[in-house]
Amino acid sequence: MFKLYTDYIDGNPELLARHINDLSRSLIAATGIADDTIISSILQAFSCFSTSAFAPAWNNQTRNQFEAVWSLVRPGVQAALYNQNLD
């Protein structure tokens, strides 16, 4: 089912755009960050951990890789949240 969903979404540019838009809206709602560039950057940073097309590369190091990416991205997210609260 996972592969079927991946093939279906990835093979249809309109559905892929809708899926990414839905992810963006969800992240905006969760964080309150309204800057499209920041939202897109966060999604891109974590796409290899959440996009099913990358599933074949997931292994016992994926958790450590996720944590390493998060430690790099966290200060930027915190700054964006802080700046959002100033506005």
N, C-alpha and C. Protein backbone atom coordinates (compact mmCIF):
# COMPACT_ATOMS: atom_id res chain seq x y z
N MET A 1 0.82 -1.18 0.00
CA MET A 1 0.00 0.00 0.00
C MET A 1 0.87 1.27 0.00
N PHE A 2 1.93 1.22 0.79
CA PHE A 2 2.86 2.34 0.88
C PHE A 2 3.46 2.65 -0.48
N LYS A 3 3.94 1.62 -1.18
CA LYS A 3 4.52 1.80 -2.50
C LYS A 3 3.48 2.27 -3.51
N LEU A 4 2.28 1.74 -3.42
CA LEU A 4 1.21 2.15 -4.32
C LEU A 4 0.92 3.64 -4.15
N TYR A 5 0.83 4.09 -2.91
CA TYR A 5 0.59 5.51 -2.63
C TYR A 5 1.72 6.36 -3.19
N THR A 6 2.96 5.94 -2.95
CA THR A 6 4.13 6.67 -3.43
C THR A 6 4.11 6.80 -4.95
N ASP A 7 3.91 5.69 -5.61
CA ASP A 7 3.89 5.70 -7.07
C ASP A 7 2.75 6.57 -7.60
N TYR A 8 1.61 6.51 -6.94
CA TYR A 8 0.45 7.27 -7.39
C TYR A 8 0.68 8.77 -7.23
N ILE A 9 1.16 9.18 -6.07
CA ILE A 9 1.39 10.61 -5.81
C ILE A 9 2.55 11.12 -6.65
N ASP A 10 3.67 10.41 -6.64
CA ASP A 10 4.86 10.87 -7.37
C ASP A 10 4.63 10.89 -8.88
N GLY A 11 3.73 10.07 -9.35
CA GLY A 11 3.48 10.01 -10.78
C GLY A 11 2.46 11.02 -11.28
N ASN A 12 1.92 11.80 -10.37
CA ASN A 12 0.88 12.76 -10.75
C ASN A 12 1.28 14.14 -10.21
N PRO A 13 1.82 15.01 -11.05
CA PRO A 13 2.30 16.32 -10.59
C PRO A 13 1.24 17.16 -9.85
N GLU A 14 -0.02 17.06 -10.29
CA GLU A 14 -1.08 17.82 -9.62
C GLU A 14 -1.31 17.32 -8.20
N LEU A 15 -1.33 16.00 -8.03
CA LEU A 15 -1.51 15.43 -6.69
C LEU A 15 -0.30 15.71 -5.82
N LEU A 16 0.89 15.64 -6.40
CA LEU A 16 2.09 15.93 -5.63
C LEU A 16 2.07 17.38 -5.13
N ALA A 17 1.70 18.31 -6.00
CA ALA A 17 1.61 19.73 -5.60
C ALA A 17 0.56 19.91 -4.50
N ARG A 18 -0.55 19.22 -4.63
CA ARG A 18 -1.59 19.30 -3.60
C ARG A 18 -1.10 18.73 -2.27
N HIS A 19 -0.40 17.60 -2.35
CA HIS A 19 0.15 16.96 -1.16
C HIS A 19 1.14 17.90 -0.45
N ILE A 20 2.03 18.52 -1.21
CA ILE A 20 3.01 19.45 -0.63
C ILE A 20 2.31 20.67 -0.04
N ASN A 21 1.29 21.16 -0.74
CA ASN A 21 0.51 22.28 -0.21
C ASN A 21 -0.17 21.92 1.11
N ASP A 22 -0.73 20.71 1.18
CA ASP A 22 -1.36 20.25 2.42
C ASP A 22 -0.34 20.15 3.55
N LEU A 23 0.85 19.64 3.23
CA LEU A 23 1.91 19.58 4.24
C LEU A 23 2.29 20.98 4.72
N SER A 24 2.42 21.90 3.79
CA SER A 24 2.77 23.28 4.13
C SER A 24 1.73 23.90 5.04
N ARG A 25 0.46 23.74 4.68
CA ARG A 25 -0.62 24.30 5.50
C ARG A 25 -0.63 23.70 6.89
N SER A 26 -0.37 22.41 6.98
CA SER A 26 -0.33 21.74 8.27
C SER A 26 0.81 22.28 9.13
N LEU A 27 1.97 22.48 8.52
CA LEU A 27 3.12 23.00 9.25
C LEU A 27 2.88 24.46 9.68
N ILE A 28 2.26 25.24 8.81
CA ILE A 28 1.91 26.62 9.17
C ILE A 28 0.96 26.63 10.36
N ALA A 29 -0.04 25.77 10.34
CA ALA A 29 -1.01 25.69 11.43
C ALA A 29 -0.34 25.26 12.73
N ALA A 30 0.59 24.33 12.64
CA ALA A 30 1.26 23.81 13.84
C ALA A 30 2.25 24.80 14.44
N THR A 31 2.89 25.59 13.58
CA THR A 31 3.96 26.48 14.07
C THR A 31 3.56 27.94 14.13
N GLY A 32 2.63 28.35 13.30
CA GLY A 32 2.28 29.75 13.21
C GLY A 32 3.25 30.53 12.34
N ILE A 33 4.23 29.85 11.75
CA ILE A 33 5.19 30.51 10.86
C ILE A 33 4.52 30.72 9.52
N ALA A 34 4.44 31.96 9.09
CA ALA A 34 3.73 32.28 7.85
C ALA A 34 4.66 32.49 6.67
N ASP A 35 5.95 32.46 6.89
CA ASP A 35 6.93 32.70 5.82
C ASP A 35 7.05 31.44 4.96
N ASP A 36 6.62 31.55 3.71
CA ASP A 36 6.62 30.39 2.81
C ASP A 36 8.02 29.83 2.59
N THR A 37 9.03 30.69 2.57
CA THR A 37 10.40 30.22 2.36
C THR A 37 10.86 29.36 3.53
N ILE A 38 10.55 29.78 4.73
CA ILE A 38 10.93 29.00 5.92
C ILE A 38 10.18 27.68 5.95
N ILE A 39 8.89 27.72 5.69
CA ILE A 39 8.09 26.49 5.68
C ILE A 39 8.62 25.51 4.64
N SER A 40 8.90 26.00 3.46
CA SER A 40 9.44 25.16 2.39
C SER A 40 10.79 24.58 2.78
N SER A 41 11.62 25.38 3.42
CA SER A 41 12.94 24.92 3.84
C SER A 41 12.85 23.81 4.89
N ILE A 42 11.94 23.96 5.82
CA ILE A 42 11.74 22.92 6.84
C ILE A 42 11.29 21.62 6.18
N LEU A 43 10.33 21.73 5.28
CA LEU A 43 9.85 20.53 4.58
C LEU A 43 10.97 19.87 3.79
N GLN A 44 11.78 20.67 3.12
CA GLN A 44 12.89 20.12 2.34
C GLN A 44 13.92 19.45 3.24
N ALA A 45 14.20 20.05 4.38
CA ALA A 45 15.19 19.49 5.30
C ALA A 45 14.79 18.10 5.79
N PHE A 46 13.51 17.88 5.95
CA PHE A 46 13.05 16.61 6.51
C PHE A 46 12.40 15.67 5.50
N SER A 47 12.41 16.05 4.24
CA SER A 47 11.74 15.23 3.23
C SER A 47 12.32 13.83 3.13
N CYS A 48 13.61 13.69 3.33
CA CYS A 48 14.20 12.35 3.22
C CYS A 48 13.76 11.43 4.36
N PHE A 49 13.18 11.99 5.41
CA PHE A 49 12.70 11.18 6.53
C PHE A 49 11.20 10.93 6.48
N SER A 50 10.52 11.66 5.62
CA SER A 50 9.06 11.55 5.59
C SER A 50 8.48 11.21 4.22
N THR A 51 9.28 11.34 3.19
CA THR A 51 8.80 11.05 1.84
C THR A 51 9.02 9.57 1.54
N SER A 52 7.95 8.93 1.18
CA SER A 52 8.02 7.48 0.99
C SER A 52 8.99 7.06 -0.11
N ALA A 53 9.29 7.95 -1.04
CA ALA A 53 10.25 7.61 -2.09
C ALA A 53 11.65 7.33 -1.52
N PHE A 54 11.92 7.86 -0.33
CA PHE A 54 13.22 7.63 0.30
C PHE A 54 13.24 6.39 1.19
N ALA A 55 12.11 5.74 1.35
CA ALA A 55 12.00 4.58 2.24
C ALA A 55 13.07 3.52 2.01
N PRO A 56 13.45 3.21 0.77
CA PRO A 56 14.49 2.19 0.59
C PRO A 56 15.83 2.56 1.24
N ALA A 57 16.06 3.84 1.47
CA ALA A 57 17.33 4.28 2.08
C ALA A 57 17.27 4.30 3.60
N TRP A 58 16.09 4.14 4.18
CA TRP A 58 15.96 4.16 5.63
C TRP A 58 16.62 2.91 6.20
N ASN A 59 17.40 3.11 7.26
CA ASN A 59 18.09 1.99 7.89
C ASN A 59 18.27 2.28 9.38
N ASN A 60 19.14 1.51 10.02
CA ASN A 60 19.32 1.69 11.46
C ASN A 60 20.02 3.00 11.83
N GLN A 61 20.51 3.74 10.85
CA GLN A 61 21.13 5.04 11.11
C GLN A 61 20.17 6.22 10.86
N THR A 62 19.00 5.92 10.37
CA THR A 62 18.06 6.98 10.02
C THR A 62 17.70 7.84 11.22
N ARG A 63 17.48 7.25 12.36
CA ARG A 63 17.16 8.02 13.58
C ARG A 63 18.29 8.99 13.92
N ASN A 64 19.53 8.50 13.87
CA ASN A 64 20.68 9.37 14.16
C ASN A 64 20.80 10.49 13.13
N GLN A 65 20.54 10.17 11.88
CA GLN A 65 20.59 11.19 10.82
C GLN A 65 19.51 12.24 11.04
N PHE A 66 18.31 11.78 11.42
CA PHE A 66 17.22 12.71 11.70
C PHE A 66 17.62 13.66 12.82
N GLU A 67 18.16 13.12 13.90
CA GLU A 67 18.56 13.95 15.04
C GLU A 67 19.66 14.93 14.65
N ALA A 68 20.57 14.52 13.79
CA ALA A 68 21.63 15.42 13.33
C ALA A 68 21.06 16.57 12.50
N VAL A 69 20.12 16.25 11.61
CA VAL A 69 19.49 17.30 10.81
C VAL A 69 18.70 18.23 11.72
N TRP A 70 17.97 17.66 12.68
CA TRP A 70 17.18 18.49 13.59
C TRP A 70 18.08 19.43 14.39
N SER A 71 19.23 18.95 14.84
CA SER A 71 20.13 19.82 15.61
C SER A 71 20.65 20.98 14.77
N LEU A 72 20.76 20.78 13.46
CA LEU A 72 21.16 21.87 12.57
C LEU A 72 20.01 22.83 12.28
N VAL A 73 18.81 22.29 12.14
CA VAL A 73 17.65 23.08 11.74
C VAL A 73 17.00 23.79 12.94
N ARG A 74 17.07 23.19 14.11
CA ARG A 74 16.37 23.72 15.30
C ARG A 74 16.63 25.20 15.56
N PRO A 75 17.88 25.69 15.53
CA PRO A 75 18.09 27.12 15.79
C PRO A 75 17.34 28.03 14.80
N GLY A 76 17.28 27.63 13.56
CA GLY A 76 16.55 28.41 12.57
C GLY A 76 15.06 28.41 12.83
N VAL A 77 14.52 27.26 13.21
CA VAL A 77 13.09 27.17 13.53
C VAL A 77 12.80 28.01 14.77
N GLN A 78 13.65 27.91 15.78
CA GLN A 78 13.45 28.70 16.99
C GLN A 78 13.51 30.20 16.69
N ALA A 79 14.42 30.60 15.85
CA ALA A 79 14.53 32.01 15.47
C ALA A 79 13.27 32.46 14.72
N ALA A 80 12.78 31.61 13.83
CA ALA A 80 11.57 31.94 13.07
C ALA A 80 10.37 32.08 14.02
N LEU A 81 10.29 31.17 14.98
CA LEU A 81 9.18 31.24 15.95
C LEU A 81 9.29 32.51 16.79
N TYR A 82 10.50 32.83 17.20
CA TYR A 82 10.73 34.03 18.00
C TYR A 82 10.36 35.28 17.20
N ASN A 83 10.83 35.35 15.97
CA ASN A 83 10.53 36.50 15.12
C ASN A 83 9.04 36.61 14.84
N GLN A 84 8.38 35.47 14.70
CA GLN A 84 6.93 35.45 14.44
C GLN A 84 6.20 36.07 15.63
N ASN A 85 6.70 35.79 16.84
CA ASN A 85 6.05 36.32 18.04
C ASN A 85 6.30 37.82 18.21
N LEU A 86 7.36 38.33 17.59
CA LEU A 86 7.64 39.76 17.67
C LEU A 86 6.72 40.58 16.77
N ASP A 87 6.24 39.95 15.70
CA ASP A 87 5.39 40.67 14.73
C ASP A 87 4.00 40.90 15.23
